[in-house]
């Protein structure tokens, strides 16, 4: 708003003039499938606490670290987690935390601890995938985002053709 004073000294009124604002420049930019910039990143899980690692991975998968984040679009990165078998849990959570599954039959409720999951084949992958899945939306978008995560127990992975960049997950909040 710009205020102009009248030239006549005896007149006691102010003339107000409003500037017109270009509202088209304030439109919110919403990303879509064609405009998102997806990257491939490698995260090393060696000596990382499981929950803290997985929250940051879930935010990477969602795209929340990007300025053009859109809640209903897959705008996150493709994340490769290596050394998932070297992840750690604090306290007595290896034996005292309990995950429940249900077979669908009467009396079919099963209990699993992180130690029992890790003892099975591909246990580290299953444990990390389960924890990240709980941190993503419970809909079709969440299922699609979970497909953008690749977990490997060793330090080798098969995605060298995508030329992923290695990131330090501790630098993210």
N, C-alpha and C. Protein backbone atom coordinates (compact mmCIF):
# COMPACT_ATOMS: atom_id res chain seq x y z
N UNK A 1 0.85 -1.16 0.00
CA UNK A 1 0.00 0.00 0.00
C UNK A 1 0.90 1.23 0.00
N UNK A 2 0.58 2.15 -0.87
CA UNK A 2 1.33 3.39 -0.97
C UNK A 2 0.39 4.52 -0.58
N UNK A 3 0.83 5.40 0.29
CA UNK A 3 -0.01 6.50 0.77
C UNK A 3 0.46 7.80 0.11
N UNK A 4 -0.47 8.50 -0.46
CA UNK A 4 -0.18 9.79 -1.09
C UNK A 4 -0.86 10.90 -0.30
N UNK A 5 -0.15 12.02 -0.12
CA UNK A 5 -0.70 13.18 0.56
C UNK A 5 -1.28 14.11 -0.51
N UNK A 6 -2.40 14.69 -0.22
CA UNK A 6 -2.99 15.65 -1.16
C UNK A 6 -2.13 16.91 -1.20
N UNK A 7 -2.08 17.60 -2.36
CA UNK A 7 -1.26 18.80 -2.51
C UNK A 7 -1.83 19.99 -1.75
N UNK A 8 -3.11 20.02 -1.58
CA UNK A 8 -3.74 21.15 -0.91
C UNK A 8 -3.47 21.06 0.58
N UNK A 9 -2.84 22.08 1.15
CA UNK A 9 -2.48 22.05 2.56
C UNK A 9 -3.70 22.17 3.45
N UNK A 10 -4.79 22.82 2.97
CA UNK A 10 -5.97 22.99 3.80
C UNK A 10 -6.84 21.74 3.82
N UNK A 11 -6.67 20.86 2.85
CA UNK A 11 -7.51 19.65 2.83
C UNK A 11 -6.97 18.66 3.84
N UNK A 12 -7.85 18.02 4.56
CA UNK A 12 -7.43 17.14 5.65
C UNK A 12 -7.68 15.67 5.31
N UNK A 13 -7.73 15.35 4.06
CA UNK A 13 -7.96 13.94 3.71
C UNK A 13 -6.70 13.34 3.08
N UNK A 14 -6.57 12.06 3.23
CA UNK A 14 -5.48 11.31 2.60
C UNK A 14 -6.06 10.45 1.49
N UNK A 15 -5.37 10.42 0.43
CA UNK A 15 -5.80 9.61 -0.69
C UNK A 15 -5.01 8.30 -0.66
N UNK A 16 -5.70 7.20 -0.55
CA UNK A 16 -5.05 5.90 -0.50
C UNK A 16 -5.07 5.25 -1.87
N UNK A 17 -3.94 4.69 -2.23
CA UNK A 17 -3.87 4.00 -3.51
C UNK A 17 -3.23 2.63 -3.24
N UNK A 18 -3.85 1.58 -3.72
CA UNK A 18 -3.36 0.23 -3.50
C UNK A 18 -2.66 -0.28 -4.75
N UNK A 19 -1.51 -0.89 -4.53
CA UNK A 19 -0.80 -1.50 -5.65
C UNK A 19 -1.39 -2.88 -5.90
N UNK A 20 -1.45 -3.23 -7.15
CA UNK A 20 -1.96 -4.54 -7.51
C UNK A 20 -0.81 -5.55 -7.45
N UNK A 21 -1.01 -6.66 -6.79
CA UNK A 21 0.02 -7.68 -6.61
C UNK A 21 -0.22 -8.80 -7.60
N UNK A 22 0.85 -9.25 -8.23
CA UNK A 22 0.75 -10.36 -9.17
C UNK A 22 0.63 -11.66 -8.37
N UNK A 23 -0.56 -12.21 -8.29
CA UNK A 23 -0.77 -13.42 -7.49
C UNK A 23 -0.33 -14.67 -8.22
N UNK A 24 -0.09 -14.60 -9.51
CA UNK A 24 0.35 -15.80 -10.23
C UNK A 24 1.75 -16.21 -9.83
N UNK A 25 2.56 -15.29 -9.34
CA UNK A 25 3.91 -15.65 -8.95
C UNK A 25 3.95 -16.36 -7.60
N UNK A 26 2.83 -16.42 -6.88
CA UNK A 26 2.79 -17.06 -5.57
C UNK A 26 2.15 -18.44 -5.61
N UNK A 27 1.99 -19.01 -6.77
CA UNK A 27 1.38 -20.33 -6.86
C UNK A 27 2.30 -21.38 -6.26
N UNK A 28 1.72 -22.31 -5.54
CA UNK A 28 2.49 -23.41 -4.97
C UNK A 28 2.83 -24.39 -6.08
N UNK A 29 4.09 -24.74 -6.16
CA UNK A 29 4.52 -25.68 -7.19
C UNK A 29 4.38 -27.09 -6.62
N UNK A 30 3.60 -27.89 -7.29
CA UNK A 30 3.38 -29.27 -6.87
C UNK A 30 4.08 -30.20 -7.84
N UNK A 31 4.92 -31.07 -7.31
CA UNK A 31 5.67 -32.00 -8.17
C UNK A 31 4.75 -33.09 -8.68
N UNK A 32 5.07 -33.60 -9.84
CA UNK A 32 4.37 -34.77 -10.37
C UNK A 32 5.39 -35.79 -10.86
N UNK A 33 4.91 -36.86 -11.45
CA UNK A 33 5.79 -37.95 -11.83
C UNK A 33 6.86 -37.53 -12.83
N UNK A 34 6.55 -36.58 -13.68
CA UNK A 34 7.50 -36.16 -14.71
C UNK A 34 8.52 -35.14 -14.20
N UNK A 35 8.17 -34.37 -13.18
CA UNK A 35 9.06 -33.29 -12.73
C UNK A 35 9.92 -33.64 -11.53
N UNK A 36 9.72 -34.83 -10.94
CA UNK A 36 10.53 -35.17 -9.76
C UNK A 36 11.95 -35.52 -10.19
N UNK A 37 12.89 -35.27 -9.29
CA UNK A 37 14.30 -35.57 -9.53
C UNK A 37 14.72 -36.67 -8.58
N UNK A 38 14.63 -37.93 -9.05
CA UNK A 38 14.96 -39.07 -8.20
C UNK A 38 16.44 -39.41 -8.37
N UNK A 39 17.10 -39.67 -7.25
CA UNK A 39 18.51 -40.04 -7.26
C UNK A 39 18.67 -41.41 -6.61
N UNK A 40 19.84 -42.00 -6.78
CA UNK A 40 20.19 -43.25 -6.13
C UNK A 40 21.24 -42.95 -5.07
N UNK A 41 20.99 -43.38 -3.84
CA UNK A 41 21.93 -43.14 -2.75
C UNK A 41 22.23 -44.45 -2.04
N UNK A 42 23.44 -44.55 -1.50
CA UNK A 42 23.88 -45.72 -0.74
C UNK A 42 24.06 -45.29 0.71
N UNK A 43 23.48 -46.05 1.62
CA UNK A 43 23.59 -45.79 3.05
C UNK A 43 24.27 -46.98 3.70
N UNK A 44 25.32 -46.72 4.47
CA UNK A 44 26.02 -47.77 5.19
C UNK A 44 25.43 -47.88 6.59
N UNK A 45 24.94 -49.07 6.94
CA UNK A 45 24.25 -49.27 8.22
C UNK A 45 25.18 -49.79 9.31
N UNK A 46 26.48 -49.78 9.09
CA UNK A 46 27.41 -50.31 10.07
C UNK A 46 27.36 -49.49 11.35
N UNK A 47 27.10 -50.16 12.47
CA UNK A 47 27.05 -49.56 13.81
C UNK A 47 26.04 -48.42 13.91
N UNK A 48 24.98 -48.47 13.13
CA UNK A 48 23.90 -47.49 13.25
C UNK A 48 22.78 -48.09 14.10
N UNK A 49 22.14 -47.24 14.91
CA UNK A 49 20.99 -47.70 15.69
C UNK A 49 19.82 -47.87 14.73
N UNK A 50 19.13 -49.00 14.85
CA UNK A 50 18.13 -49.40 13.85
C UNK A 50 17.03 -48.36 13.66
N UNK A 51 16.41 -47.91 14.72
CA UNK A 51 15.30 -46.97 14.60
C UNK A 51 15.71 -45.63 14.05
N UNK A 52 16.85 -45.13 14.50
CA UNK A 52 17.32 -43.82 14.02
C UNK A 52 17.71 -43.89 12.55
N UNK A 53 18.32 -44.99 12.15
CA UNK A 53 18.66 -45.17 10.74
C UNK A 53 17.40 -45.23 9.88
N UNK A 54 16.42 -45.99 10.34
CA UNK A 54 15.23 -46.22 9.52
C UNK A 54 14.35 -44.97 9.41
N UNK A 55 14.34 -44.10 10.42
CA UNK A 55 13.56 -42.87 10.29
C UNK A 55 14.15 -41.99 9.21
N UNK A 56 15.46 -41.92 9.14
CA UNK A 56 16.10 -41.10 8.11
C UNK A 56 15.92 -41.71 6.73
N UNK A 57 15.97 -43.04 6.65
CA UNK A 57 15.75 -43.71 5.37
C UNK A 57 14.31 -43.49 4.91
N UNK A 58 13.35 -43.55 5.84
CA UNK A 58 11.95 -43.32 5.48
C UNK A 58 11.75 -41.90 4.96
N UNK A 59 12.43 -40.93 5.57
CA UNK A 59 12.32 -39.55 5.07
C UNK A 59 12.97 -39.40 3.71
N UNK A 60 14.07 -40.13 3.46
CA UNK A 60 14.69 -40.11 2.12
C UNK A 60 13.74 -40.72 1.10
N UNK A 61 13.08 -41.82 1.45
CA UNK A 61 12.15 -42.46 0.53
C UNK A 61 10.95 -41.57 0.23
N UNK A 62 10.47 -40.83 1.22
CA UNK A 62 9.35 -39.92 1.02
C UNK A 62 9.73 -38.70 0.22
N UNK A 63 11.01 -38.26 0.31
CA UNK A 63 11.44 -37.05 -0.37
C UNK A 63 11.31 -35.83 0.51
N UNK A 64 11.26 -36.00 1.82
CA UNK A 64 11.04 -34.87 2.72
C UNK A 64 12.26 -33.98 2.86
N UNK A 65 13.42 -34.42 2.41
CA UNK A 65 14.61 -33.57 2.45
C UNK A 65 14.70 -32.69 1.21
N UNK A 66 13.77 -32.80 0.29
CA UNK A 66 13.81 -32.03 -0.96
C UNK A 66 12.89 -30.81 -0.86
N UNK A 67 13.24 -29.72 -1.54
CA UNK A 67 12.40 -28.52 -1.46
C UNK A 67 11.08 -28.65 -2.20
N UNK A 68 10.98 -29.56 -3.15
CA UNK A 68 9.73 -29.72 -3.91
C UNK A 68 8.93 -30.92 -3.42
N UNK A 69 8.98 -31.20 -2.12
CA UNK A 69 8.24 -32.32 -1.54
C UNK A 69 6.74 -32.13 -1.74
N UNK A 70 6.11 -33.18 -2.23
CA UNK A 70 4.66 -33.20 -2.42
C UNK A 70 4.13 -34.46 -1.75
N UNK A 71 3.17 -34.36 -0.83
CA UNK A 71 2.78 -35.52 -0.03
C UNK A 71 2.20 -36.69 -0.82
N UNK A 72 1.53 -36.43 -1.93
CA UNK A 72 0.84 -37.51 -2.63
C UNK A 72 1.62 -38.05 -3.82
N UNK A 73 2.89 -37.66 -3.97
CA UNK A 73 3.70 -38.08 -5.12
C UNK A 73 4.96 -38.77 -4.62
N UNK A 74 5.39 -39.78 -5.35
CA UNK A 74 6.66 -40.46 -5.05
C UNK A 74 7.79 -39.57 -5.54
N UNK A 75 8.29 -38.69 -4.67
CA UNK A 75 9.35 -37.77 -5.07
C UNK A 75 10.63 -38.04 -4.29
N UNK A 76 10.72 -39.20 -3.64
CA UNK A 76 11.90 -39.55 -2.86
C UNK A 76 12.96 -40.23 -3.70
N UNK A 77 14.08 -40.53 -3.05
CA UNK A 77 15.20 -41.17 -3.71
C UNK A 77 15.08 -42.69 -3.62
N UNK A 78 15.86 -43.36 -4.46
CA UNK A 78 16.03 -44.80 -4.36
C UNK A 78 17.18 -45.05 -3.39
N UNK A 79 16.93 -45.79 -2.33
CA UNK A 79 17.90 -45.95 -1.25
C UNK A 79 18.41 -47.38 -1.24
N UNK A 80 19.73 -47.52 -1.21
CA UNK A 80 20.38 -48.82 -1.10
C UNK A 80 21.04 -48.87 0.27
N UNK A 81 20.65 -49.84 1.09
CA UNK A 81 21.23 -49.99 2.43
C UNK A 81 22.17 -51.18 2.39
N UNK A 82 23.44 -50.95 2.72
CA UNK A 82 24.43 -52.02 2.76
C UNK A 82 24.84 -52.26 4.21
N UNK A 83 25.38 -53.43 4.46
CA UNK A 83 25.82 -53.86 5.80
C UNK A 83 24.66 -53.82 6.80
N UNK A 84 23.51 -54.29 6.38
CA UNK A 84 22.34 -54.28 7.26
C UNK A 84 22.49 -55.26 8.41
N UNK A 85 23.36 -56.25 8.26
CA UNK A 85 23.56 -57.21 9.35
C UNK A 85 24.38 -56.63 10.49
N UNK A 86 24.98 -55.46 10.29
CA UNK A 86 25.80 -54.84 11.34
C UNK A 86 25.06 -53.73 12.07
N UNK A 87 23.74 -53.68 11.92
CA UNK A 87 22.93 -52.68 12.61
C UNK A 87 22.87 -53.05 14.09
N UNK A 88 22.65 -52.05 14.95
CA UNK A 88 22.59 -52.37 16.37
C UNK A 88 21.31 -51.84 17.00
N UNK A 89 20.98 -52.43 18.12
CA UNK A 89 19.85 -52.01 18.94
C UNK A 89 20.38 -51.69 20.33
N UNK A 90 19.79 -50.71 20.99
CA UNK A 90 20.26 -50.32 22.32
C UNK A 90 19.51 -51.11 23.38
N UNK A 91 20.12 -51.22 24.55
CA UNK A 91 19.48 -51.90 25.67
C UNK A 91 19.30 -53.38 25.43
N UNK A 92 18.18 -53.91 25.90
CA UNK A 92 17.88 -55.34 25.76
C UNK A 92 16.90 -55.60 24.63
N UNK A 93 16.85 -54.70 23.67
CA UNK A 93 15.82 -54.81 22.63
C UNK A 93 16.01 -56.01 21.71
N UNK A 94 17.22 -56.57 21.63
CA UNK A 94 17.42 -57.75 20.79
C UNK A 94 16.55 -58.90 21.25
N UNK A 95 16.32 -59.00 22.57
CA UNK A 95 15.56 -60.14 23.09
C UNK A 95 14.22 -59.75 23.68
N UNK A 96 14.04 -58.51 24.09
CA UNK A 96 12.80 -58.13 24.77
C UNK A 96 11.77 -57.45 23.88
N UNK A 97 12.18 -56.88 22.76
CA UNK A 97 11.19 -56.31 21.84
C UNK A 97 10.50 -57.46 21.11
N UNK A 98 9.20 -57.33 20.93
CA UNK A 98 8.43 -58.41 20.32
C UNK A 98 7.64 -57.86 19.15
N UNK A 99 7.76 -58.53 17.99
CA UNK A 99 6.95 -58.23 16.81
C UNK A 99 5.93 -59.36 16.67
N UNK A 100 4.69 -59.00 16.36
CA UNK A 100 3.63 -59.98 16.25
C UNK A 100 3.23 -60.15 14.79
N UNK A 101 2.96 -61.39 14.42
CA UNK A 101 2.36 -61.69 13.12
C UNK A 101 1.16 -62.59 13.38
N UNK A 102 0.29 -62.66 12.40
CA UNK A 102 -0.91 -63.48 12.55
C UNK A 102 -1.09 -64.29 11.28
N UNK A 103 -1.26 -65.60 11.42
CA UNK A 103 -1.36 -66.49 10.27
C UNK A 103 -2.72 -66.44 9.60
N UNK A 104 -3.73 -65.99 10.34
CA UNK A 104 -5.08 -65.98 9.80
C UNK A 104 -5.93 -67.11 10.35
N UNK A 105 -5.30 -68.02 11.07
CA UNK A 105 -6.02 -69.13 11.67
C UNK A 105 -6.22 -68.88 13.16
N UNK A 106 -7.21 -69.54 13.77
CA UNK A 106 -7.40 -69.39 15.22
C UNK A 106 -6.16 -69.87 15.97
N UNK A 107 -5.71 -69.07 16.91
CA UNK A 107 -4.51 -69.40 17.66
C UNK A 107 -3.24 -69.22 16.86
N UNK A 108 -3.31 -68.47 15.78
CA UNK A 108 -2.15 -68.33 14.88
C UNK A 108 -1.33 -67.09 15.10
N UNK A 109 -1.42 -66.49 16.29
CA UNK A 109 -0.60 -65.32 16.57
C UNK A 109 0.80 -65.77 16.93
N UNK A 110 1.80 -65.21 16.23
CA UNK A 110 3.19 -65.59 16.43
C UNK A 110 3.98 -64.40 16.96
N UNK A 111 4.98 -64.69 17.77
CA UNK A 111 5.86 -63.66 18.31
C UNK A 111 7.25 -63.84 17.74
N UNK A 112 7.88 -62.72 17.39
CA UNK A 112 9.25 -62.74 16.89
C UNK A 112 10.03 -61.64 17.57
N UNK A 113 11.25 -61.94 17.97
CA UNK A 113 12.15 -60.92 18.50
C UNK A 113 13.14 -60.56 17.40
N UNK A 114 13.77 -59.40 17.49
CA UNK A 114 14.79 -59.06 16.47
C UNK A 114 15.90 -60.10 16.38
N UNK A 115 16.26 -60.74 17.50
CA UNK A 115 17.30 -61.77 17.45
C UNK A 115 16.83 -62.98 16.66
N UNK A 116 15.56 -63.36 16.82
CA UNK A 116 15.05 -64.52 16.07
C UNK A 116 14.88 -64.19 14.59
N UNK A 117 14.56 -62.95 14.26
CA UNK A 117 14.43 -62.56 12.86
C UNK A 117 15.81 -62.55 12.19
N UNK A 118 16.83 -62.05 12.91
CA UNK A 118 18.18 -61.99 12.35
C UNK A 118 18.78 -63.39 12.16
N UNK A 119 18.32 -64.38 12.94
CA UNK A 119 18.86 -65.73 12.84
C UNK A 119 18.39 -66.43 11.57
N UNK A 120 17.31 -65.96 10.96
CA UNK A 120 16.77 -66.60 9.76
C UNK A 120 17.52 -66.12 8.52
N UNK A 121 17.39 -66.83 7.40
CA UNK A 121 18.01 -66.35 6.15
C UNK A 121 17.39 -65.02 5.73
N UNK A 122 18.23 -64.09 5.26
CA UNK A 122 17.82 -62.73 4.89
C UNK A 122 17.15 -62.02 6.06
N UNK A 123 17.56 -62.33 7.27
CA UNK A 123 16.94 -61.76 8.46
C UNK A 123 17.16 -60.27 8.60
N UNK A 124 18.37 -59.81 8.27
CA UNK A 124 18.65 -58.38 8.39
C UNK A 124 17.79 -57.59 7.42
N UNK A 125 17.62 -58.10 6.22
CA UNK A 125 16.77 -57.42 5.23
C UNK A 125 15.33 -57.37 5.72
N UNK A 126 14.85 -58.47 6.26
CA UNK A 126 13.46 -58.51 6.74
C UNK A 126 13.24 -57.56 7.91
N UNK A 127 14.22 -57.48 8.81
CA UNK A 127 14.08 -56.61 9.98
C UNK A 127 14.07 -55.14 9.58
N UNK A 128 15.02 -54.73 8.73
CA UNK A 128 15.08 -53.33 8.30
C UNK A 128 13.84 -52.97 7.49
N UNK A 129 13.42 -53.87 6.60
CA UNK A 129 12.24 -53.61 5.78
C UNK A 129 10.99 -53.46 6.65
N UNK A 130 10.89 -54.28 7.68
CA UNK A 130 9.72 -54.20 8.56
C UNK A 130 9.68 -52.88 9.34
N UNK A 131 10.84 -52.45 9.81
CA UNK A 131 10.89 -51.21 10.58
C UNK A 131 10.59 -50.00 9.70
N UNK A 132 11.16 -49.97 8.49
CA UNK A 132 10.90 -48.84 7.58
C UNK A 132 9.45 -48.84 7.14
N UNK A 133 8.88 -50.01 6.91
CA UNK A 133 7.48 -50.10 6.47
C UNK A 133 6.54 -49.47 7.49
N UNK A 134 6.85 -49.62 8.78
CA UNK A 134 6.02 -49.01 9.82
C UNK A 134 6.10 -47.50 9.86
N UNK A 135 7.11 -46.93 9.19
CA UNK A 135 7.29 -45.48 9.19
C UNK A 135 6.79 -44.82 7.92
N UNK A 136 6.27 -45.58 6.99
CA UNK A 136 5.75 -45.05 5.73
C UNK A 136 4.23 -45.04 5.77
N UNK A 137 3.59 -44.31 4.85
CA UNK A 137 2.12 -44.30 4.82
C UNK A 137 1.55 -45.69 4.57
N UNK A 138 0.40 -45.95 5.17
CA UNK A 138 -0.24 -47.26 5.03
C UNK A 138 -1.23 -47.22 3.87
N UNK A 139 -0.72 -47.06 2.65
CA UNK A 139 -1.57 -47.03 1.46
C UNK A 139 -0.73 -47.46 0.26
N UNK A 140 -1.27 -47.26 -0.95
CA UNK A 140 -0.55 -47.70 -2.15
C UNK A 140 0.74 -46.93 -2.35
N UNK A 141 0.76 -45.66 -1.95
CA UNK A 141 1.98 -44.88 -2.07
C UNK A 141 3.07 -45.44 -1.17
N UNK A 142 2.71 -45.85 0.05
CA UNK A 142 3.68 -46.43 0.96
C UNK A 142 4.26 -47.73 0.42
N UNK A 143 3.43 -48.54 -0.23
CA UNK A 143 3.92 -49.79 -0.81
C UNK A 143 4.87 -49.51 -1.97
N UNK A 144 4.57 -48.47 -2.74
CA UNK A 144 5.45 -48.12 -3.85
C UNK A 144 6.77 -47.55 -3.34
N UNK A 145 6.72 -46.75 -2.28
CA UNK A 145 7.94 -46.19 -1.70
C UNK A 145 8.82 -47.29 -1.13
N UNK A 146 8.22 -48.30 -0.53
CA UNK A 146 9.00 -49.40 0.03
C UNK A 146 9.71 -50.18 -1.07
N UNK A 147 9.16 -50.16 -2.27
CA UNK A 147 9.83 -50.80 -3.41
C UNK A 147 11.05 -50.05 -3.89
N UNK A 148 11.23 -48.79 -3.43
CA UNK A 148 12.41 -48.00 -3.80
C UNK A 148 13.58 -48.23 -2.85
N UNK A 149 13.42 -49.17 -1.91
CA UNK A 149 14.49 -49.45 -0.95
C UNK A 149 15.06 -50.84 -1.22
N UNK A 150 16.37 -50.93 -1.22
CA UNK A 150 17.07 -52.18 -1.48
C UNK A 150 18.02 -52.42 -0.31
N UNK A 151 17.87 -53.57 0.35
CA UNK A 151 18.64 -53.87 1.55
C UNK A 151 19.54 -55.06 1.27
N UNK A 152 20.84 -54.92 1.64
CA UNK A 152 21.82 -55.99 1.46
C UNK A 152 22.57 -56.20 2.75
N UNK A 153 22.82 -57.48 3.07
CA UNK A 153 23.50 -57.80 4.32
C UNK A 153 24.99 -57.54 4.25
N UNK A 154 25.58 -57.67 3.08
CA UNK A 154 27.01 -57.41 2.94
C UNK A 154 27.26 -56.01 2.42
N UNK A 155 28.53 -55.78 2.05
CA UNK A 155 28.88 -54.45 1.55
C UNK A 155 28.73 -54.34 0.03
N UNK A 156 28.40 -55.43 -0.64
CA UNK A 156 28.23 -55.42 -2.10
C UNK A 156 26.76 -55.28 -2.46
N UNK A 157 26.51 -54.58 -3.56
CA UNK A 157 25.15 -54.48 -4.09
C UNK A 157 25.22 -54.53 -5.61
N UNK A 158 24.08 -54.76 -6.25
CA UNK A 158 24.05 -54.97 -7.70
C UNK A 158 23.53 -53.76 -8.47
N UNK A 159 23.65 -52.57 -7.90
CA UNK A 159 23.10 -51.37 -8.54
C UNK A 159 24.19 -50.40 -8.96
N UNK A 160 25.34 -50.91 -9.36
CA UNK A 160 26.44 -50.03 -9.79
C UNK A 160 26.10 -49.30 -11.09
N UNK A 161 25.23 -49.88 -11.90
CA UNK A 161 24.87 -49.24 -13.18
C UNK A 161 24.13 -47.92 -12.97
N UNK A 162 23.47 -47.77 -11.83
CA UNK A 162 22.75 -46.52 -11.55
C UNK A 162 23.68 -45.45 -10.99
N UNK A 163 24.95 -45.78 -10.77
CA UNK A 163 25.98 -44.89 -10.20
C UNK A 163 25.44 -44.14 -8.98
N UNK A 164 25.13 -44.89 -7.91
CA UNK A 164 24.61 -44.24 -6.71
C UNK A 164 25.70 -43.47 -5.97
N UNK A 165 25.29 -42.43 -5.27
CA UNK A 165 26.26 -41.68 -4.48
C UNK A 165 26.14 -42.10 -3.02
N UNK A 166 27.29 -42.26 -2.38
CA UNK A 166 27.30 -42.66 -0.97
C UNK A 166 27.08 -41.43 -0.10
N UNK A 167 26.17 -41.55 0.85
CA UNK A 167 25.89 -40.43 1.74
C UNK A 167 26.14 -40.87 3.17
N UNK A 168 26.45 -39.89 4.03
CA UNK A 168 26.58 -40.14 5.45
C UNK A 168 25.23 -39.83 6.09
N UNK A 169 24.57 -40.86 6.57
CA UNK A 169 23.22 -40.70 7.09
C UNK A 169 23.20 -39.88 8.38
N UNK A 170 24.36 -39.77 9.05
CA UNK A 170 24.41 -39.01 10.30
C UNK A 170 24.32 -37.51 10.07
N UNK A 171 24.50 -37.05 8.83
CA UNK A 171 24.41 -35.62 8.54
C UNK A 171 22.96 -35.15 8.35
N UNK A 172 22.03 -36.09 8.27
CA UNK A 172 20.62 -35.77 8.10
C UNK A 172 19.95 -35.72 9.45
N UNK A 173 18.88 -34.90 9.54
CA UNK A 173 18.13 -34.82 10.79
C UNK A 173 16.91 -35.68 10.72
